[in-house]
Protein backbone atom coordinates (compact mmCIF):
# COMPACT_ATOMS: atom_id res chain seq x y z
CA MET A 1 -23.99 41.47 19.52
CA PRO A 2 -21.49 40.07 17.23
CA LEU A 3 -22.03 37.11 15.97
CA ILE A 4 -19.44 33.90 16.32
CA GLU A 5 -17.80 33.42 13.37
CA ASP A 6 -18.42 29.81 11.14
CA HIS A 7 -15.40 27.69 10.25
CA PRO A 8 -14.41 28.68 6.79
CA LEU A 9 -15.32 24.72 5.93
CA ARG A 10 -18.53 24.60 7.63
CA HIS A 11 -20.82 25.69 4.55
CA ALA A 12 -18.55 23.71 2.19
CA LEU A 13 -19.13 20.20 4.46
CA VAL A 14 -22.86 20.55 5.33
CA ASN A 15 -23.57 21.10 1.12
CA GLU A 16 -21.23 17.78 0.41
CA LEU A 17 -23.96 16.24 1.98
CA HIS A 18 -26.66 17.19 -0.31
CA ALA A 19 -24.27 17.26 -3.12
CA ARG A 20 -25.12 14.03 -4.53
CA PRO A 21 -29.13 13.47 -4.87
CA PHE A 22 -30.76 10.10 -5.85
CA PRO A 23 -32.05 10.56 -9.14
CA ALA A 24 -35.84 10.84 -9.35
CA ILE A 25 -37.06 8.67 -12.35
CA GLN A 26 -40.14 7.56 -12.89
CA ALA A 27 -41.87 4.11 -15.12
CA PRO A 28 -41.55 3.09 -17.62
CA ALA A 29 -37.93 4.21 -17.98
CA GLN A 30 -34.25 3.26 -19.36
CA VAL A 31 -31.28 4.40 -17.77
CA ALA A 32 -27.46 3.69 -19.56
CA TYR A 33 -24.51 4.09 -16.52
CA VAL A 34 -20.96 3.47 -17.27
CA ALA A 35 -17.73 3.54 -14.89
CA ILE A 36 -14.69 4.98 -16.16
CA LYS A 37 -11.04 3.95 -14.59
CA ASP A 38 -7.64 4.86 -15.64
CA PRO A 39 -6.17 1.37 -15.64
CA VAL A 40 -2.72 2.61 -13.76
CA ASP A 41 -2.47 4.50 -10.46
CA ALA A 42 -5.79 5.99 -11.04
CA ALA A 43 -6.23 7.62 -7.59
CA ASN A 44 -3.29 9.97 -9.01
CA ARG A 45 -4.74 10.58 -12.37
CA ASN A 46 -5.04 14.06 -13.98
CA ARG A 47 -8.53 14.82 -13.28
CA ALA A 48 -8.67 17.43 -15.61
CA ARG A 49 -8.88 14.74 -18.70
CA ASP A 50 -12.17 13.52 -16.80
CA HIS A 51 -13.31 17.51 -17.05
CA ALA A 52 -12.77 17.40 -20.61
CA HIS A 53 -13.76 14.70 -21.01
CA LEU A 54 -17.38 15.16 -19.38
CA CYS A 55 -17.56 18.67 -21.47
CA ASP A 56 -17.02 17.01 -24.78
CA LEU A 57 -20.05 15.21 -24.34
CA LEU A 58 -22.24 18.18 -22.47
CA GLU A 59 -20.98 20.22 -25.89
CA ARG A 60 -22.23 17.71 -28.07
CA ASN A 61 -25.81 18.20 -26.38
CA GLY A 62 -25.25 21.89 -25.90
CA SER A 63 -25.80 21.33 -22.18
CA PHE A 64 -24.05 23.85 -19.57
CA LEU A 65 -20.34 22.81 -18.30
CA PRO A 66 -19.11 22.33 -14.66
CA THR A 67 -16.38 24.25 -12.68
CA LEU A 68 -12.92 22.50 -13.42
CA ASP A 69 -13.03 21.75 -9.67
CA ALA A 70 -16.51 19.61 -9.88
CA THR A 71 -16.56 16.54 -8.37
CA HIS A 72 -20.62 15.90 -9.29
CA HIS A 73 -22.70 17.34 -12.13
CA ALA A 74 -26.14 16.83 -13.69
CA ALA A 75 -27.59 18.28 -16.76
CA PRO A 76 -29.84 17.46 -19.43
CA LEU A 77 -28.23 15.48 -22.39
CA GLY A 78 -31.11 15.68 -25.01
CA ARG A 79 -33.57 13.43 -24.03
CA SER A 80 -32.53 11.91 -20.91
CA HIS A 81 -30.59 13.41 -17.71
CA LEU A 82 -26.85 13.04 -16.85
CA ALA A 83 -25.33 12.60 -13.23
CA TRP A 84 -21.53 12.63 -13.28
CA GLU A 85 -19.60 12.21 -10.52
CA SER A 86 -15.63 11.56 -9.75
CA HIS A 87 -14.61 9.41 -7.69
CA THR A 88 -10.98 8.26 -6.02
CA GLU A 89 -10.12 5.82 -8.42
CA PHE A 90 -13.18 6.36 -10.90
CA VAL A 91 -15.47 9.02 -12.65
CA THR A 92 -19.59 7.47 -13.05
CA TYR A 93 -21.84 8.46 -16.21
CA LEU A 94 -25.75 7.77 -15.50
CA ALA A 95 -28.25 8.63 -17.71
CA HIS A 96 -32.07 8.49 -17.73
CA ALA A 97 -34.97 8.73 -19.99
CA GLN A 98 -38.62 8.64 -19.76
CA GLY A 99 -39.83 5.48 -22.08
CA VAL A 100 -38.52 2.27 -22.92
CA SER A 101 -37.92 0.52 -26.37
CA ALA A 102 -40.51 -2.07 -27.85
CA ARG A 103 -37.29 -4.54 -27.79
CA ALA A 104 -35.90 -4.91 -24.61
CA PHE A 105 -32.06 -3.82 -23.90
CA ASP A 106 -32.15 -2.12 -27.14
CA PRO A 107 -28.58 -1.31 -28.05
CA ALA A 108 -30.05 1.83 -28.94
CA GLU A 109 -30.74 3.04 -25.43
CA THR A 110 -27.13 2.98 -24.93
CA GLU A 111 -26.37 5.28 -27.49
CA VAL A 112 -26.59 8.47 -25.45
CA PHE A 113 -22.94 7.59 -24.81
CA PRO A 114 -21.59 7.37 -28.54
CA ALA A 115 -19.09 4.98 -29.10
CA ASP A 116 -16.39 7.85 -30.50
CA TRP A 117 -16.68 9.81 -27.28
CA LEU A 118 -16.23 6.26 -25.03
CA ALA A 119 -13.10 5.09 -27.35
CA ALA A 120 -11.87 9.31 -26.42
CA ALA A 121 -12.07 8.22 -22.56
CA PRO A 122 -9.29 8.81 -20.32
CA GLY A 123 -9.38 4.81 -19.09
CA LYS A 124 -10.94 2.38 -19.58
CA ARG A 125 -14.61 0.77 -18.95
CA ILE A 126 -14.65 -0.96 -15.36
CA ALA A 127 -18.55 -1.19 -15.62
CA ALA A 128 -21.28 -0.37 -17.94
CA VAL A 129 -25.20 -1.18 -16.64
CA GLN A 130 -28.80 -0.92 -18.42
CA VAL A 131 -31.31 -0.97 -16.82
CA ARG A 132 -34.97 -1.64 -17.86
CA ILE A 133 -37.67 -0.08 -15.65
CA GLU A 134 -41.18 -1.14 -16.24
CA PRO A 135 -44.20 -1.13 -14.22
CA LEU A 136 -45.18 -4.17 -11.99
CA PRO A 137 -48.32 -5.72 -13.66
CA GLU A 138 -51.19 -6.59 -11.14
CA ASP A 139 -50.14 -10.06 -11.71
CA PRO A 140 -46.47 -10.29 -10.72
CA ASP A 141 -45.81 -13.46 -11.80
CA ALA A 142 -46.80 -12.18 -15.54
CA ILE A 143 -43.35 -11.10 -15.44
CA ILE A 144 -41.39 -14.25 -15.07
CA PRO A 145 -41.52 -15.25 -18.21
CA MET A 146 -39.85 -12.07 -19.76
CA ILE A 147 -37.23 -12.31 -16.92
CA GLU A 148 -36.38 -15.97 -18.22
CA ASP A 149 -36.34 -14.84 -21.64
CA TRP A 150 -34.31 -12.10 -20.68
CA PHE A 151 -31.62 -13.68 -18.50
CA VAL A 152 -29.32 -16.77 -17.93
CA ALA A 153 -31.05 -18.91 -15.98
CA GLU A 154 -27.64 -20.92 -13.87
CA SER A 155 -27.01 -17.40 -12.41
CA LEU A 156 -30.25 -15.46 -12.15
CA VAL A 157 -30.89 -13.24 -9.22
CA CYS A 158 -35.09 -11.93 -9.27
CA ALA A 159 -35.97 -10.19 -5.22
CA TRP A 160 -38.21 -8.38 -4.21
CA VAL A 161 -36.66 -5.15 -2.63
CA LEU A 162 -37.37 -2.15 -0.09
CA ASP A 163 -40.08 -4.43 1.42
CA GLY A 164 -41.91 -5.35 -1.77
CA ALA A 165 -41.56 -2.33 -3.26
CA ALA A 166 -40.30 -3.29 -7.06
CA ILE A 167 -38.52 -6.63 -7.96
CA VAL A 168 -35.27 -6.96 -9.55
CA ALA A 169 -33.51 -9.37 -11.97
CA THR A 170 -30.55 -9.88 -13.28
CA ASP A 171 -27.69 -12.72 -14.22
CA PHE A 172 -25.09 -10.64 -13.78
CA ARG A 173 -23.68 -11.37 -16.96
CA ILE A 174 -22.38 -8.89 -20.03
CA ASP A 175 -24.18 -8.68 -22.95
CA ALA A 176 -23.30 -8.94 -26.32
CA ASN A 177 -23.37 -5.12 -26.34
CA GLY A 178 -20.74 -4.89 -23.69
CA GLN A 179 -23.81 -4.06 -20.97
CA MET A 180 -24.87 -5.77 -17.62
CA ARG A 181 -28.75 -5.73 -18.28
CA PHE A 182 -30.75 -5.23 -15.08
CA ALA A 183 -34.65 -5.66 -14.99
CA LEU A 184 -36.60 -3.41 -12.29
CA PHE A 185 -40.54 -3.75 -11.97
CA PRO A 186 -41.81 -0.96 -9.77
CA HIS A 187 -45.01 -1.33 -8.12
CA ARG A 188 -47.49 1.53 -9.99
CA GLY A 189 -47.31 3.48 -6.42
CA THR A 190 -43.72 3.54 -5.97
CA GLY A 191 -42.30 7.03 -6.35
CA PRO A 192 -39.95 8.07 -8.59
CA GLY A 193 -37.64 8.97 -5.66
CA ARG A 194 -37.61 5.33 -4.36
CA ILE A 195 -37.20 4.20 -8.27
CA GLY A 196 -33.90 5.99 -8.30
CA ARG A 197 -32.44 4.79 -5.20
CA ILE A 198 -32.77 1.62 -6.12
CA VAL A 199 -31.28 2.38 -9.73
CA GLN A 200 -28.52 4.08 -8.04
CA TRP A 201 -28.16 1.21 -5.19
CA LEU A 202 -27.61 -1.62 -8.67
CA CYS A 203 -25.12 0.42 -10.30
CA GLU A 204 -23.03 1.19 -7.54
CA MET A 205 -23.26 -2.45 -6.71
CA GLU A 206 -21.88 -3.52 -9.93
CA THR A 207 -19.40 -0.95 -9.70
CA TYR A 208 -18.33 -1.64 -6.33
CA ARG A 209 -18.36 -5.13 -6.90
CA ALA A 210 -16.00 -4.73 -10.06
CA MET A 211 -13.69 -2.09 -8.01
CA SER A 212 -12.99 -4.50 -5.32
CA MET A 213 -12.69 -7.86 -7.80
CA LEU A 214 -9.59 -6.06 -9.17
CA GLY A 215 -7.82 -7.08 -5.95
CA LEU A 216 -8.51 -10.66 -6.94
CA GLY A 217 -6.28 -10.79 -9.88
CA ARG A 218 -3.39 -8.99 -7.66
CA ALA A 219 -4.56 -11.41 -5.20
CA ARG A 220 -3.52 -14.47 -7.39
CA GLY A 221 -0.56 -13.16 -9.12
CA LEU A 222 0.91 -12.39 -5.17
CA THR A 223 -0.10 -15.75 -4.11
CA ARG A 224 2.28 -17.24 -7.15
CA ARG A 225 5.00 -14.84 -5.83
CA LEU A 226 4.52 -16.50 -2.54
CA ASN A 227 4.59 -20.12 -3.24
CA GLU A 228 8.10 -19.10 -5.25
CA LEU A 229 9.04 -16.90 -1.57
CA GLU A 230 8.19 -19.32 1.14
CA PRO A 231 10.28 -22.57 0.22
CA ARG A 232 13.36 -20.04 -0.04
CA LEU A 233 12.31 -18.18 3.59
CA SER A 234 11.80 -21.99 5.34
CA GLU A 235 15.20 -22.92 3.94
CA VAL A 236 17.01 -19.76 5.39
CA VAL A 237 15.14 -20.11 8.69
CA ASN A 238 15.92 -23.89 9.20
CA GLY A 239 19.42 -23.04 8.46
CA MET A 240 19.80 -20.88 11.06
CA GLY A 241 21.15 -23.04 13.50
CA GLY A 242 25.08 -23.58 11.46
CA GLY A 243 26.55 -21.72 8.44
CA VAL A 244 27.70 -18.65 8.80
CA ALA A 245 25.77 -16.68 10.34
CA GLU A 246 25.96 -13.35 7.96
CA ASP A 247 25.63 -15.16 5.26
CA THR A 248 22.43 -16.80 6.18
CA LEU A 249 21.34 -12.89 7.45
CA GLN A 250 22.37 -11.43 3.74
CA ARG A 251 20.01 -13.89 1.83
CA LEU A 252 17.30 -13.61 4.47
CA LEU A 253 17.46 -9.61 4.64
CA THR A 254 16.94 -10.21 -0.07
CA ILE A 255 13.92 -12.32 0.84
CA SER A 256 12.40 -9.78 3.70
CA ALA A 257 13.48 -6.65 1.07
CA GLU A 258 10.91 -8.42 -1.96
CA LEU A 259 8.46 -8.81 1.05
CA GLU A 260 8.23 -5.86 2.04
CA ALA A 261 8.00 -4.77 -1.39
CA LEU A 262 5.21 -6.72 -2.36
CA ALA A 263 3.64 -5.12 0.78
CA VAL A 264 3.74 -1.51 0.28
CA GLY A 265 2.89 -2.47 -3.85
CA HIS A 266 -0.21 -4.23 -2.88
CA SER A 267 -1.48 -2.33 0.01
CA PHE A 268 -3.25 0.36 -1.50
CA ARG A 269 -5.46 -1.83 -3.81
CA PHE A 270 -5.94 -4.27 -1.41
CA GLY A 271 -7.00 -1.91 1.04
CA ALA A 272 -9.53 -0.42 -1.28
CA THR A 273 -10.28 -3.99 -2.43
CA GLY A 274 -11.87 -4.36 1.54
CA ALA A 275 -13.81 -0.59 1.28
CA TYR A 276 -15.50 -1.70 -1.85
CA ALA A 277 -16.46 -5.08 -0.85
CA ALA A 278 -17.83 -3.38 2.32
CA ILE A 279 -20.02 -0.93 0.15
CA VAL A 280 -21.10 -3.63 -1.78
CA ARG A 281 -22.83 -5.65 1.45
CA GLU A 282 -24.16 -2.18 2.38
CA ARG A 283 -25.74 -2.02 -1.11
CA VAL A 284 -27.18 -5.70 -0.73
CA ASP A 285 -28.37 -5.08 2.89
CA VAL A 286 -30.06 -1.54 1.80
CA LEU A 287 -32.15 -3.52 -0.46
CA ARG A 288 -34.15 -5.47 1.89
CA GLU A 289 -34.73 -7.81 -0.34
CA SER A 290 -36.97 -11.26 0.01
CA ARG A 291 -37.46 -14.17 -2.29
CA VAL A 292 -39.65 -14.78 -5.67
CA GLN A 293 -40.40 -18.27 -6.24
CA GLY A 294 -37.86 -19.62 -5.08
CA ARG A 295 -35.18 -17.80 -7.08
CA GLN A 296 -31.80 -17.01 -5.64
CA LYS A 297 -31.50 -13.92 -4.12
CA PHE A 298 -28.79 -10.84 -4.20
CA GLY A 299 -27.23 -12.07 -0.81
CA GLU A 300 -26.59 -15.78 -1.70
CA PHE A 301 -25.77 -14.73 -5.19
CA MET A 302 -22.71 -12.73 -3.76
CA LEU A 303 -21.86 -15.19 -0.53
CA ARG A 304 -21.89 -17.94 -3.42
CA ARG A 305 -20.15 -16.16 -6.34
CA TYR A 306 -18.43 -13.01 -4.65
CA GLU A 307 -17.56 -13.81 -1.10
CA PRO A 308 -15.08 -16.58 -1.82
CA ALA A 309 -13.03 -14.08 -4.27
CA MET A 310 -13.02 -11.51 -1.13
CA ARG A 311 -11.86 -14.37 0.74
CA THR A 312 -8.89 -14.91 -1.43
CA VAL A 313 -8.16 -11.67 -1.48
CA ILE A 314 -7.83 -11.34 2.54
CA SER A 315 -6.29 -14.95 2.56
CA ALA A 316 -3.55 -12.93 -0.10
CA GLU A 317 -3.10 -10.52 2.54
CA ALA A 318 -2.80 -11.76 5.96
CA ARG A 319 -0.55 -14.46 4.29
CA LEU A 320 1.90 -11.85 3.00
CA GLN A 321 2.01 -9.55 6.37
CA ALA A 322 2.35 -13.33 8.57
CA MET A 323 5.40 -13.73 5.94
CA VAL A 324 6.55 -10.15 6.02
CA GLU A 325 6.30 -10.37 10.20
CA ARG A 326 8.42 -14.50 10.14
CA ALA A 327 11.28 -12.92 8.23
CA SER A 328 11.21 -10.03 9.94
CA ARG A 329 11.88 -12.20 13.22
CA ALA A 330 14.27 -14.36 11.53
CA ALA A 331 15.90 -11.21 10.46
CA GLU A 332 16.52 -10.21 13.93
CA SER A 333 17.48 -13.20 15.56
CA LEU A 334 20.00 -13.70 13.21
CA ARG A 335 21.05 -10.13 14.20
CA THR A 336 21.48 -10.86 17.43
CA GLN A 337 23.55 -13.81 16.68
CA VAL A 338 26.04 -11.70 14.43
CA GLU A 339 25.93 -9.25 17.37
CA VAL A 340 27.05 -12.01 19.61
CA ALA A 341 29.47 -13.16 17.64
CA ARG A 342 31.01 -10.03 16.78
CA GLN A 343 31.19 -9.06 20.45
CA SER A 344 33.07 -12.12 20.74
CA GLN A 345 35.65 -11.48 18.41
CA ASN A 346 35.82 -7.98 19.70
CA GLN A 347 36.67 -8.71 22.99
CA LYS A 348 39.12 -11.94 21.94
CA VAL A 349 40.81 -8.40 19.86
CA LEU A 350 40.57 -6.35 23.43
CA GLU A 351 42.45 -9.56 24.88
CA SER A 352 44.71 -9.49 22.25
CA MET A 353 45.54 -5.88 21.91
CA ASP A 354 46.07 -6.04 26.37
CA ARG A 355 48.74 -8.94 25.95
CA ARG A 356 50.73 -6.41 23.22
CA ALA A 357 49.96 -3.52 25.60
CA ASP A 358 52.11 -5.67 28.41
CA LEU A 359 54.76 -6.68 26.01
CA GLN A 360 55.18 -3.10 25.04
CA LEU A 361 55.31 -1.75 28.74
CA ARG A 362 58.11 -4.72 29.31
CA LEU A 363 59.72 -3.57 25.94
CA GLN A 364 60.12 -0.57 26.78
CA HIS A 365 61.05 -1.06 30.37
CA THR A 366 63.64 -2.70 29.16
CA VAL A 367 64.55 0.06 26.29
CA GLU A 368 64.51 2.52 29.02
CA GLY A 369 67.39 0.25 30.96
CA LEU A 370 69.20 -0.36 27.88
CA SER A 371 69.22 3.37 26.76
CA VAL A 372 70.35 4.15 30.05
CA VAL A 373 73.50 2.19 29.51
CA ALA A 374 73.94 3.76 26.02
CA ILE A 375 73.57 7.17 26.99
CA SER A 376 75.59 6.63 30.46
CA TYR A 377 78.59 5.51 28.54
CA TYR A 378 78.71 8.02 26.06
CA ALA A 379 77.95 10.74 29.24
CA VAL A 380 80.76 8.96 31.02
CA SER A 381 83.39 9.30 28.44
CA LEU A 382 82.18 12.83 27.52
CA ALA A 383 82.36 13.86 31.39
CA GLY A 384 85.92 12.21 31.74
CA TYR A 385 87.68 14.47 29.40
CA LEU A 386 85.93 17.32 31.01
CA SER A 387 87.49 15.96 34.40
CA TYR A 388 91.11 15.32 33.02
CA PRO A 389 92.80 18.43 34.12
CA LEU A 390 90.70 18.67 37.33
CA ALA A 391 91.71 15.14 38.54
CA LYS A 392 95.52 15.60 37.47
CA HIS A 393 95.46 18.93 39.92
CA PHE A 394 94.40 16.84 42.73
CA GLY A 395 97.06 14.01 41.91
CA LEU A 396 94.20 11.73 40.64
CA SER A 397 94.74 9.00 37.80
CA LYS A 398 92.42 8.85 34.84
CA GLU A 399 90.76 5.62 35.60
CA MET A 400 89.92 7.24 39.31
CA ALA A 401 88.57 10.44 37.85
CA ILE A 402 85.89 7.76 35.44
CA ALA A 403 85.24 5.27 38.24
CA GLY A 404 84.10 8.41 40.56
CA LEU A 405 81.96 9.97 38.11
CA THR A 406 80.15 6.56 36.14
CA PRO A 407 77.81 6.66 39.33
CA LEU A 408 77.01 9.74 38.94
CA VAL A 409 75.85 9.69 35.56
CA ILE A 410 74.38 6.91 35.62
CA LEU A 411 72.33 8.03 38.13
CA GLY A 412 71.93 11.68 36.52
CA VAL A 413 71.00 9.89 32.79
CA TRP A 414 68.15 7.81 35.19
CA LEU A 415 66.47 10.31 36.46
CA MET A 416 66.62 12.65 33.49
CA ILE A 417 64.84 9.59 31.13
CA ARG A 418 62.28 8.70 34.08
CA ARG A 419 61.35 12.71 34.22
CA ILE A 420 60.74 12.79 30.55
CA ARG A 421 58.48 9.25 30.99
CA LYS A 422 56.36 11.60 33.63
CA GLY A 423 56.25 14.19 31.18
CA PHE A 424 54.59 12.14 28.29
CA HIS A 425 52.41 10.53 30.96
C-alpha cells in the first residue's frame, strides 16, 4: 500500500526541536559569551552581515563554515568550542574551553573573540558574560572568601541551583574588561550536560534582561512626552462644552494623531520587552534556587532591582493606551457635536431653500400672468390687422372686431402657456 505523504515542513519542524542543544561543559572550564544587536531596526537587519562576521571568526581558526540561511552553528574554535545562534534582534556567540586561569576572570580568557573582530561586528554589544567554572570543594564554605573577593558585596547574588547541584554567584556588574562575571561551582558528580544547561540559562538570563531593559529607556522618554501632552489633552477635553466645536476637534485630532504615532512607534519595543521579561522570569524559575548562608537569591535580586523597571515599562504602555482611548472617545464625542451642528445648519438651509422655492413659484405665476397679458396684447394687434377685411365685409367696425377677438386671443394664449408649462413638468 502507498504510504501517506508527510507535510513538507514536518521534518524541519521536528529538527528545530533539536537544533540548539545545550553545550556539554566539564569542570573546570572557562566560558566567554557575547550578544550583538544592531541598534536600529534590529528585527529587519541584514542577516547576511551576521553570517559574514561569523565566517570571519571561523576562517581565522580554520573551522568549517555554516550555510547562508543557517540560524545556528557549532564548530571548534582553536582549543575552544563555539556555539552561534541568530535570534530575532540579536546574535549570540558562546565559547567554552577546558581549564581555568590562575587569575580569576583573566581578560585573556575572553580573547577567543579578538578585539578587532568585535570592533567590526555589524551591531553593538548588548551583553558580554564571562563564567568561571570550578568544582565545588568538599566544604562549600571554602568558596565564600573567593566569592567575597571577586564580587561587590552590595549586589552579590549567591544561591544553590538545580536542587543543590551547584552554587552560582554574581554581582550583575560589568567589570573593567566589559564582562559580567558569573562563578559556577558544580558538585563533582554533576555531569557536563547539566553544567552546560546552567551556563546557557545564565547567559540567556543576562541577555534577555538587557534586551528587556531597552524598553525602560523608551518608557522614560515616552513618559516625558506624555507629561507634555496630557495637560493639552485635558485642556481640550475640559473645554469641549464651549467654544467652536470644529476648532476644538481640530486641536484634539492633532493630539490624537501624535498619540497614535507614539503608540505605533513603541508597540514593538514594549511587546518585545514583555516577551523578554517573561523569559528572564522563566530562567530564574528553572534554576530552582535555594539560599546560601543568608545571601540573596536571583529571584530576590530581580524582584528588587529588575521588576520595578519592568513595571515602569508596563505603566508607561498602559498610560499611553489610556490616553489614546481617552482622545479617541473625546474625538468621537466632538465629531457627534459637529455633525449635529452641521445637520442643524443643513436643516436651516433646506428651510431657506423651501421659502425661496415658494417665492420663485409665486413669482413664476406672476410672470406667467404678465406674459399672458403681454403676448395677448401683441396677438390681438396682429389678429386685428388680419380681421379688418373680414369685419369690413360684414359691416363691422375695427373696434368691434378687436373687441370680439380679444377674449379669444387671451384664452388661446393662456391655454398655450399652460400646455408649455405642463410639458416642462
